[in-house]
Amino acid sequence: MSEEQETPQENKPIDLSKDKNPEPAPFQPLGNGPVTPPPFQQPPPFGQFGGGFGQQNLPNATASLVLGILAIPACCFYGIFGLIFGVIAWVLGAGDMKKYQLNPSLYTESSYKNAKAGKICGMIATILSALMVLMFILIIVGVVANPHMFENFLRDLK
């Protein structure tokens, strides 16, 4: 038996100089990282966010754009429908723009542009509709205040 087997309880210091063939550590240049990923790492599943893949559209971008576009011609219908569609488009577009600004890597840029266009169309339609409603209110107030002038106006149209 050897000495080590005879007295196993005894703590002996390890002599590192006894290594007969020490292998040098593999050379890896600093800053470049490993050439291949370790086998235990898997690529992220589809739909998760890394490198631009799997980005999703903003939830209300398309609705904001459609309502904003519909609100502009709807201003001609006494301003009420344009006002309703415009305000909704404005609110939806602004909310989606805030979501995009909080985390731009999560959403596509095209959906951000759609939300922005919907918000702008909603703003324009809201302003035009408000002016149209104001015009109708002024006309009604003018007719009530001066019915004689309105009768003359209608007589001149014939």
N, C-alpha and C. Protein backbone atom coordinates (compact mmCIF):
# COMPACT_ATOMS: atom_id res chain seq x y z
N MET A 1 0.82 -1.18 0.00
CA MET A 1 0.00 0.00 0.00
C MET A 1 0.86 1.24 0.00
N SER A 2 0.31 2.26 -0.56
CA SER A 2 1.07 3.50 -0.63
C SER A 2 0.85 4.32 0.63
N GLU A 3 1.60 5.37 0.77
CA GLU A 3 1.50 6.21 1.96
C GLU A 3 0.15 6.92 2.03
N GLU A 4 -0.38 7.31 0.92
CA GLU A 4 -1.63 8.05 0.90
C GLU A 4 -2.79 7.17 1.33
N GLN A 5 -2.72 5.88 1.02
CA GLN A 5 -3.81 4.99 1.37
C GLN A 5 -3.75 4.58 2.84
N GLU A 6 -2.56 4.59 3.43
CA GLU A 6 -2.42 4.19 4.81
C GLU A 6 -3.00 5.24 5.76
N THR A 7 -2.82 6.51 5.50
CA THR A 7 -3.30 7.57 6.39
C THR A 7 -4.24 8.51 5.62
N PRO A 8 -5.47 8.09 5.40
CA PRO A 8 -6.38 8.93 4.61
C PRO A 8 -6.89 10.14 5.38
N GLN A 9 -6.87 10.16 6.72
CA GLN A 9 -7.41 11.27 7.47
C GLN A 9 -6.45 12.46 7.50
N GLU A 10 -5.24 12.22 7.20
CA GLU A 10 -4.24 13.26 7.31
C GLU A 10 -4.37 14.24 6.14
N ASN A 11 -4.37 15.54 6.42
CA ASN A 11 -4.46 16.57 5.38
C ASN A 11 -3.07 16.89 4.90
N LYS A 12 -2.86 16.65 3.64
CA LYS A 12 -1.56 16.95 3.05
C LYS A 12 -1.77 18.06 2.02
N PRO A 13 -0.85 18.99 1.95
CA PRO A 13 -0.97 20.03 0.92
C PRO A 13 -0.79 19.43 -0.47
N ILE A 14 -1.49 20.01 -1.41
CA ILE A 14 -1.41 19.53 -2.79
C ILE A 14 -0.23 20.21 -3.45
N ASP A 15 0.57 19.42 -4.07
CA ASP A 15 1.73 19.95 -4.77
C ASP A 15 1.35 20.13 -6.24
N LEU A 16 1.20 21.36 -6.66
CA LEU A 16 0.80 21.64 -8.04
C LEU A 16 1.95 21.50 -9.02
N SER A 17 3.13 21.45 -8.54
CA SER A 17 4.27 21.31 -9.45
C SER A 17 4.41 19.90 -9.97
N LYS A 18 3.62 18.95 -9.46
CA LYS A 18 3.72 17.57 -9.90
C LYS A 18 3.00 17.32 -11.22
N ASP A 19 2.20 18.34 -11.73
CA ASP A 19 1.53 18.13 -13.01
C ASP A 19 2.56 17.89 -14.08
N LYS A 20 2.40 16.78 -14.74
CA LYS A 20 3.39 16.39 -15.73
C LYS A 20 3.16 17.11 -17.07
N ASN A 21 1.92 17.24 -17.51
CA ASN A 21 1.60 17.88 -18.78
C ASN A 21 0.51 18.93 -18.57
N PRO A 22 0.85 20.06 -18.08
CA PRO A 22 -0.20 21.07 -17.93
C PRO A 22 -0.62 21.59 -19.31
N GLU A 23 -1.93 21.58 -19.56
CA GLU A 23 -2.42 22.07 -20.85
C GLU A 23 -2.69 23.56 -20.74
N PRO A 24 -2.21 24.31 -21.70
CA PRO A 24 -2.49 25.76 -21.64
C PRO A 24 -3.97 26.01 -21.94
N ALA A 25 -4.50 27.06 -21.37
CA ALA A 25 -5.89 27.43 -21.62
C ALA A 25 -6.03 27.86 -23.09
N PRO A 26 -7.16 27.54 -23.71
CA PRO A 26 -7.32 27.95 -25.11
C PRO A 26 -7.33 29.48 -25.22
N PHE A 27 -6.73 29.97 -26.27
CA PHE A 27 -6.60 31.41 -26.47
C PHE A 27 -7.90 31.96 -27.07
N GLN A 28 -8.45 32.95 -26.40
CA GLN A 28 -9.61 33.67 -26.93
C GLN A 28 -9.29 35.15 -26.86
N PRO A 29 -9.38 35.84 -27.98
CA PRO A 29 -9.10 37.28 -27.93
C PRO A 29 -10.14 38.00 -27.07
N LEU A 30 -9.69 39.00 -26.37
CA LEU A 30 -10.59 39.73 -25.49
C LEU A 30 -11.59 40.54 -26.30
N GLY A 31 -12.85 40.57 -25.86
CA GLY A 31 -13.86 41.39 -26.48
C GLY A 31 -14.61 40.72 -27.62
N ASN A 32 -14.13 39.61 -28.12
CA ASN A 32 -14.81 38.97 -29.24
C ASN A 32 -15.81 37.92 -28.78
N GLY A 33 -15.69 37.41 -27.59
CA GLY A 33 -16.62 36.42 -27.09
C GLY A 33 -16.35 35.06 -27.72
N PRO A 34 -17.11 34.07 -27.32
CA PRO A 34 -16.90 32.73 -27.89
C PRO A 34 -17.37 32.68 -29.34
N VAL A 35 -16.72 31.82 -30.09
CA VAL A 35 -17.04 31.69 -31.51
C VAL A 35 -18.40 31.01 -31.67
N THR A 36 -18.64 29.97 -30.91
CA THR A 36 -19.93 29.29 -30.96
C THR A 36 -20.56 29.37 -29.58
N PRO A 37 -21.88 29.45 -29.54
CA PRO A 37 -22.51 29.52 -28.21
C PRO A 37 -22.39 28.19 -27.49
N PRO A 38 -22.38 28.22 -26.18
CA PRO A 38 -22.33 26.96 -25.43
C PRO A 38 -23.56 26.11 -25.77
N PRO A 39 -23.43 24.79 -25.65
CA PRO A 39 -24.52 23.92 -26.07
C PRO A 39 -25.79 24.05 -25.24
N PHE A 40 -25.70 24.61 -24.04
CA PHE A 40 -26.89 24.71 -23.20
C PHE A 40 -27.74 25.94 -23.53
N GLN A 41 -27.25 26.86 -24.36
CA GLN A 41 -28.03 28.03 -24.73
C GLN A 41 -28.81 27.76 -26.00
N GLN A 42 -30.06 28.17 -26.00
CA GLN A 42 -30.90 28.01 -27.17
C GLN A 42 -31.28 29.39 -27.68
N PRO A 43 -31.55 29.51 -28.97
CA PRO A 43 -32.00 30.81 -29.47
C PRO A 43 -33.38 31.13 -28.90
N PRO A 44 -33.70 32.41 -28.76
CA PRO A 44 -35.02 32.75 -28.19
C PRO A 44 -36.12 32.29 -29.13
N PRO A 45 -37.24 31.85 -28.58
CA PRO A 45 -38.34 31.40 -29.44
C PRO A 45 -38.91 32.55 -30.24
N PHE A 46 -39.60 32.19 -31.32
CA PHE A 46 -40.19 33.21 -32.19
C PHE A 46 -41.20 34.01 -31.39
N GLY A 47 -41.20 35.31 -31.59
CA GLY A 47 -42.12 36.16 -30.87
C GLY A 47 -41.47 36.86 -29.70
N GLN A 48 -40.27 36.41 -29.33
CA GLN A 48 -39.56 37.14 -28.30
C GLN A 48 -38.65 38.13 -28.98
N PHE A 49 -38.16 39.09 -28.24
CA PHE A 49 -37.59 40.26 -28.86
C PHE A 49 -36.08 40.23 -28.75
N GLY A 50 -35.46 40.13 -29.87
CA GLY A 50 -34.02 40.17 -29.92
C GLY A 50 -33.58 40.42 -31.34
N GLY A 51 -32.85 41.48 -31.56
CA GLY A 51 -32.31 41.76 -32.87
C GLY A 51 -33.35 42.18 -33.90
N GLY A 52 -34.48 42.66 -33.50
CA GLY A 52 -35.47 43.14 -34.45
C GLY A 52 -36.46 42.08 -34.89
N PHE A 53 -36.22 40.84 -34.55
CA PHE A 53 -37.15 39.79 -34.95
C PHE A 53 -38.25 39.67 -33.91
N GLY A 54 -39.44 39.37 -34.36
CA GLY A 54 -40.54 39.14 -33.44
C GLY A 54 -41.19 40.40 -32.92
N GLN A 55 -40.92 41.54 -33.56
CA GLN A 55 -41.58 42.76 -33.12
C GLN A 55 -43.05 42.68 -33.49
N GLN A 56 -43.87 43.33 -32.71
CA GLN A 56 -45.30 43.29 -32.95
C GLN A 56 -45.81 44.69 -33.27
N ASN A 57 -46.99 44.73 -33.88
CA ASN A 57 -47.61 46.01 -34.20
C ASN A 57 -48.23 46.60 -32.94
N LEU A 58 -48.31 47.92 -32.94
CA LEU A 58 -49.01 48.60 -31.85
C LEU A 58 -50.48 48.21 -31.91
N PRO A 59 -51.13 48.01 -30.77
CA PRO A 59 -52.48 47.44 -30.78
C PRO A 59 -53.54 48.29 -31.47
N ASN A 60 -53.45 49.61 -31.41
CA ASN A 60 -54.51 50.46 -31.95
C ASN A 60 -54.04 51.33 -33.11
N ALA A 61 -52.89 51.03 -33.70
CA ALA A 61 -52.34 51.87 -34.75
C ALA A 61 -53.23 51.88 -35.98
N THR A 62 -53.68 50.72 -36.41
CA THR A 62 -54.51 50.64 -37.61
C THR A 62 -55.88 51.27 -37.36
N ALA A 63 -56.45 51.03 -36.20
CA ALA A 63 -57.76 51.62 -35.87
C ALA A 63 -57.66 53.14 -35.82
N SER A 64 -56.57 53.65 -35.27
CA SER A 64 -56.36 55.09 -35.21
C SER A 64 -56.25 55.68 -36.61
N LEU A 65 -55.52 55.02 -37.48
CA LEU A 65 -55.35 55.51 -38.85
C LEU A 65 -56.68 55.49 -39.60
N VAL A 66 -57.42 54.40 -39.50
CA VAL A 66 -58.69 54.28 -40.22
C VAL A 66 -59.69 55.32 -39.72
N LEU A 67 -59.79 55.46 -38.40
CA LEU A 67 -60.72 56.45 -37.85
C LEU A 67 -60.30 57.88 -38.20
N GLY A 68 -59.00 58.13 -38.21
CA GLY A 68 -58.52 59.46 -38.59
C GLY A 68 -58.83 59.80 -40.03
N ILE A 69 -58.68 58.80 -40.92
CA ILE A 69 -58.99 59.02 -42.33
C ILE A 69 -60.49 59.19 -42.53
N LEU A 70 -61.29 58.39 -41.85
CA LEU A 70 -62.75 58.51 -41.97
C LEU A 70 -63.27 59.82 -41.36
N ALA A 71 -62.57 60.34 -40.38
CA ALA A 71 -63.05 61.53 -39.68
C ALA A 71 -62.97 62.78 -40.56
N ILE A 72 -62.02 62.82 -41.48
CA ILE A 72 -61.86 64.03 -42.29
C ILE A 72 -63.07 64.26 -43.20
N PRO A 73 -63.52 63.28 -44.01
CA PRO A 73 -64.73 63.55 -44.79
C PRO A 73 -66.00 63.59 -43.93
N ALA A 74 -65.95 62.97 -42.76
CA ALA A 74 -67.12 62.98 -41.88
C ALA A 74 -67.36 64.36 -41.29
N CYS A 75 -66.40 65.27 -41.43
CA CYS A 75 -66.60 66.65 -40.96
C CYS A 75 -67.75 67.32 -41.71
N CYS A 76 -67.99 66.88 -42.92
CA CYS A 76 -69.03 67.50 -43.74
C CYS A 76 -70.43 67.16 -43.25
N PHE A 77 -70.60 66.13 -42.46
CA PHE A 77 -71.91 65.72 -41.96
C PHE A 77 -72.20 66.42 -40.64
N TYR A 78 -72.39 67.72 -40.72
CA TYR A 78 -72.70 68.56 -39.57
C TYR A 78 -71.62 68.55 -38.50
N GLY A 79 -70.48 67.96 -38.77
CA GLY A 79 -69.35 67.97 -37.85
C GLY A 79 -69.42 66.99 -36.71
N ILE A 80 -70.59 66.38 -36.49
CA ILE A 80 -70.74 65.51 -35.32
C ILE A 80 -69.93 64.22 -35.49
N PHE A 81 -70.10 63.56 -36.62
CA PHE A 81 -69.38 62.29 -36.83
C PHE A 81 -67.87 62.52 -36.92
N GLY A 82 -67.49 63.59 -37.57
CA GLY A 82 -66.06 63.92 -37.65
C GLY A 82 -65.47 64.20 -36.29
N LEU A 83 -66.24 64.85 -35.45
CA LEU A 83 -65.78 65.14 -34.10
C LEU A 83 -65.59 63.86 -33.29
N ILE A 84 -66.57 62.95 -33.40
CA ILE A 84 -66.49 61.69 -32.66
C ILE A 84 -65.31 60.84 -33.16
N PHE A 85 -65.24 60.64 -34.49
CA PHE A 85 -64.16 59.82 -35.04
C PHE A 85 -62.80 60.46 -34.81
N GLY A 86 -62.74 61.79 -34.94
CA GLY A 86 -61.47 62.49 -34.77
C GLY A 86 -60.91 62.38 -33.36
N VAL A 87 -61.78 62.55 -32.38
CA VAL A 87 -61.33 62.47 -30.98
C VAL A 87 -60.86 61.05 -30.66
N ILE A 88 -61.62 60.06 -31.13
CA ILE A 88 -61.22 58.66 -30.87
C ILE A 88 -59.87 58.36 -31.53
N ALA A 89 -59.70 58.78 -32.79
CA ALA A 89 -58.43 58.56 -33.50
C ALA A 89 -57.28 59.26 -32.80
N TRP A 90 -57.52 60.46 -32.34
CA TRP A 90 -56.51 61.25 -31.65
C TRP A 90 -56.06 60.54 -30.37
N VAL A 91 -57.01 60.08 -29.58
CA VAL A 91 -56.70 59.42 -28.31
C VAL A 91 -55.99 58.08 -28.54
N LEU A 92 -56.50 57.28 -29.48
CA LEU A 92 -55.86 55.99 -29.76
C LEU A 92 -54.44 56.17 -30.29
N GLY A 93 -54.26 57.11 -31.20
CA GLY A 93 -52.92 57.37 -31.75
C GLY A 93 -51.95 57.86 -30.71
N ALA A 94 -52.40 58.76 -29.85
CA ALA A 94 -51.52 59.28 -28.79
C ALA A 94 -51.12 58.19 -27.80
N GLY A 95 -52.07 57.32 -27.47
CA GLY A 95 -51.75 56.22 -26.55
C GLY A 95 -50.73 55.26 -27.13
N ASP A 96 -50.88 54.93 -28.42
CA ASP A 96 -49.93 54.03 -29.05
C ASP A 96 -48.56 54.68 -29.22
N MET A 97 -48.54 55.97 -29.46
CA MET A 97 -47.25 56.66 -29.57
C MET A 97 -46.50 56.62 -28.24
N LYS A 98 -47.23 56.76 -27.14
CA LYS A 98 -46.60 56.67 -25.81
C LYS A 98 -46.06 55.26 -25.56
N LYS A 99 -46.83 54.24 -25.97
CA LYS A 99 -46.36 52.87 -25.80
C LYS A 99 -45.08 52.63 -26.58
N TYR A 100 -45.02 53.15 -27.79
CA TYR A 100 -43.83 52.97 -28.62
C TYR A 100 -42.63 53.70 -28.01
N GLN A 101 -42.83 54.90 -27.50
CA GLN A 101 -41.73 55.66 -26.93
C GLN A 101 -41.21 55.04 -25.64
N LEU A 102 -42.05 54.31 -24.92
CA LEU A 102 -41.58 53.63 -23.72
C LEU A 102 -40.67 52.45 -24.04
N ASN A 103 -40.97 51.73 -25.13
CA ASN A 103 -40.18 50.56 -25.50
C ASN A 103 -40.19 50.39 -27.02
N PRO A 104 -39.32 51.13 -27.74
CA PRO A 104 -39.35 51.08 -29.20
C PRO A 104 -38.93 49.73 -29.79
N SER A 105 -38.13 48.95 -29.07
CA SER A 105 -37.68 47.68 -29.62
C SER A 105 -38.79 46.63 -29.63
N LEU A 106 -39.86 46.90 -28.91
CA LEU A 106 -40.96 45.94 -28.80
C LEU A 106 -41.91 46.01 -29.99
N TYR A 107 -42.01 47.19 -30.63
CA TYR A 107 -43.00 47.41 -31.68
C TYR A 107 -42.33 47.78 -32.99
N THR A 108 -43.05 47.58 -34.10
CA THR A 108 -42.52 47.92 -35.42
C THR A 108 -42.63 49.42 -35.66
N GLU A 109 -41.71 49.91 -36.47
CA GLU A 109 -41.71 51.34 -36.77
C GLU A 109 -42.88 51.71 -37.67
N SER A 110 -43.29 50.80 -38.54
CA SER A 110 -44.42 51.10 -39.43
C SER A 110 -45.71 51.28 -38.64
N SER A 111 -45.91 50.50 -37.59
CA SER A 111 -47.12 50.69 -36.78
C SER A 111 -47.05 52.01 -36.01
N TYR A 112 -45.83 52.42 -35.64
CA TYR A 112 -45.67 53.73 -34.99
C TYR A 112 -46.06 54.86 -35.95
N LYS A 113 -45.63 54.72 -37.20
CA LYS A 113 -45.97 55.73 -38.21
C LYS A 113 -47.47 55.76 -38.47
N ASN A 114 -48.11 54.60 -38.48
CA ASN A 114 -49.57 54.55 -38.65
C ASN A 114 -50.28 55.24 -37.49
N ALA A 115 -49.81 54.98 -36.27
CA ALA A 115 -50.42 55.63 -35.10
C ALA A 115 -50.22 57.14 -35.15
N LYS A 116 -49.04 57.56 -35.58
CA LYS A 116 -48.76 58.99 -35.68
C LYS A 116 -49.64 59.64 -36.74
N ALA A 117 -49.79 58.98 -37.90
CA ALA A 117 -50.65 59.52 -38.96
C ALA A 117 -52.11 59.56 -38.51
N GLY A 118 -52.55 58.53 -37.79
CA GLY A 118 -53.92 58.52 -37.27
C GLY A 118 -54.15 59.65 -36.28
N LYS A 119 -53.16 59.90 -35.44
CA LYS A 119 -53.28 60.98 -34.47
C LYS A 119 -53.37 62.33 -35.18
N ILE A 120 -52.53 62.53 -36.19
CA ILE A 120 -52.54 63.80 -36.92
C ILE A 120 -53.85 63.99 -37.67
N CYS A 121 -54.32 62.93 -38.35
CA CYS A 121 -55.61 63.01 -39.05
C CYS A 121 -56.75 63.28 -38.06
N GLY A 122 -56.68 62.66 -36.90
CA GLY A 122 -57.68 62.89 -35.86
C GLY A 122 -57.67 64.33 -35.37
N MET A 123 -56.47 64.91 -35.22
CA MET A 123 -56.36 66.31 -34.80
C MET A 123 -56.99 67.23 -35.85
N ILE A 124 -56.62 67.00 -37.11
CA ILE A 124 -57.15 67.84 -38.19
C ILE A 124 -58.67 67.72 -38.26
N ALA A 125 -59.17 66.50 -38.21
CA ALA A 125 -60.61 66.28 -38.29
C ALA A 125 -61.34 66.87 -37.09
N THR A 126 -60.74 66.79 -35.92
CA THR A 126 -61.37 67.36 -34.72
C THR A 126 -61.48 68.88 -34.85
N ILE A 127 -60.43 69.51 -35.32
CA ILE A 127 -60.45 70.97 -35.48
C ILE A 127 -61.46 71.38 -36.55
N LEU A 128 -61.44 70.68 -37.70
CA LEU A 128 -62.41 71.01 -38.76
C LEU A 128 -63.84 70.77 -38.30
N SER A 129 -64.06 69.68 -37.59
CA SER A 129 -65.41 69.37 -37.11
C SER A 129 -65.87 70.39 -36.08
N ALA A 130 -64.97 70.81 -35.20
CA ALA A 130 -65.32 71.81 -34.21
C ALA A 130 -65.69 73.13 -34.90
N LEU A 131 -64.95 73.49 -35.95
CA LEU A 131 -65.28 74.70 -36.70
C LEU A 131 -66.63 74.57 -37.40
N MET A 132 -66.91 73.38 -37.93
CA MET A 132 -68.19 73.13 -38.60
C MET A 132 -69.35 73.22 -37.60
N VAL A 133 -69.19 72.62 -36.43
CA VAL A 133 -70.23 72.69 -35.40
C VAL A 133 -70.43 74.14 -34.96
N LEU A 134 -69.33 74.87 -34.79
CA LEU A 134 -69.41 76.28 -34.41
C LEU A 134 -70.15 77.10 -35.47
N MET A 135 -69.87 76.80 -36.75
CA MET A 135 -70.55 77.50 -37.84
C MET A 135 -72.06 77.24 -37.80
N PHE A 136 -72.44 76.00 -37.60
CA PHE A 136 -73.88 75.68 -37.54
C PHE A 136 -74.54 76.34 -36.32
N ILE A 137 -73.84 76.38 -35.21
CA ILE A 137 -74.40 77.04 -34.03
C ILE A 137 -74.59 78.53 -34.30
N LEU A 138 -73.60 79.16 -34.94
CA LEU A 138 -73.73 80.59 -35.26
C LEU A 138 -74.87 80.84 -36.25
N ILE A 139 -75.04 79.95 -37.21
CA ILE A 139 -76.14 80.10 -38.16
C ILE A 139 -77.47 79.99 -37.44
N ILE A 140 -77.61 79.01 -36.56
CA ILE A 140 -78.87 78.83 -35.82
C ILE A 140 -79.14 80.03 -34.92
N VAL A 141 -78.11 80.53 -34.24
CA VAL A 141 -78.27 81.71 -33.39
C VAL A 141 -78.66 82.93 -34.23
N GLY A 142 -78.05 83.06 -35.40
CA GLY A 142 -78.38 84.17 -36.29
C GLY A 142 -79.80 84.10 -36.80
N VAL A 143 -80.28 82.90 -37.11
CA VAL A 143 -81.65 82.74 -37.59
C VAL A 143 -82.64 83.06 -36.48
N VAL A 144 -82.35 82.62 -35.28
CA VAL A 144 -83.25 82.88 -34.16
C VAL A 144 -83.25 84.36 -33.81
N ALA A 145 -82.08 85.00 -33.86
CA ALA A 145 -81.98 86.41 -33.49
C ALA A 145 -82.58 87.33 -34.55
N ASN A 146 -82.44 86.99 -35.83
CA ASN A 146 -82.92 87.83 -36.93
C ASN A 146 -83.74 87.01 -37.91
N PRO A 147 -84.94 86.63 -37.59
CA PRO A 147 -85.72 85.81 -38.51
C PRO A 147 -86.10 86.57 -39.78
N HIS A 148 -86.25 87.89 -39.70
CA HIS A 148 -86.61 88.68 -40.87
C HIS A 148 -85.48 88.64 -41.91
N MET A 149 -84.24 88.74 -41.45
CA MET A 149 -83.09 88.70 -42.35
C MET A 149 -82.99 87.32 -43.02
N PHE A 150 -83.27 86.27 -42.29
CA PHE A 150 -83.22 84.91 -42.86
C PHE A 150 -84.31 84.72 -43.91
N GLU A 151 -85.50 85.27 -43.68
CA GLU A 151 -86.57 85.18 -44.67
C GLU A 151 -86.20 85.91 -45.95
N ASN A 152 -85.56 87.07 -45.80
CA ASN A 152 -85.09 87.81 -46.99
C ASN A 152 -84.02 87.03 -47.73
N PHE A 153 -83.13 86.38 -46.99
CA PHE A 153 -82.07 85.57 -47.61
C PHE A 153 -82.67 84.42 -48.40
N LEU A 154 -83.67 83.73 -47.84
CA LEU A 154 -84.30 82.62 -48.54
C LEU A 154 -85.10 83.11 -49.75
N ARG A 155 -85.71 84.28 -49.67
CA ARG A 155 -86.46 84.84 -50.78
C ARG A 155 -85.51 85.20 -51.93
N ASP A 156 -84.31 85.68 -51.59
CA ASP A 156 -83.33 86.06 -52.62
C ASP A 156 -82.75 84.82 -53.32
N LEU A 157 -82.74 83.69 -52.65
CA LEU A 157 -82.22 82.46 -53.27
C LEU A 157 -83.15 81.93 -54.35
N LYS A 158 -84.46 82.22 -54.28
CA LYS A 158 -85.43 81.70 -55.24
C LYS A 158 -85.39 82.41 -56.54
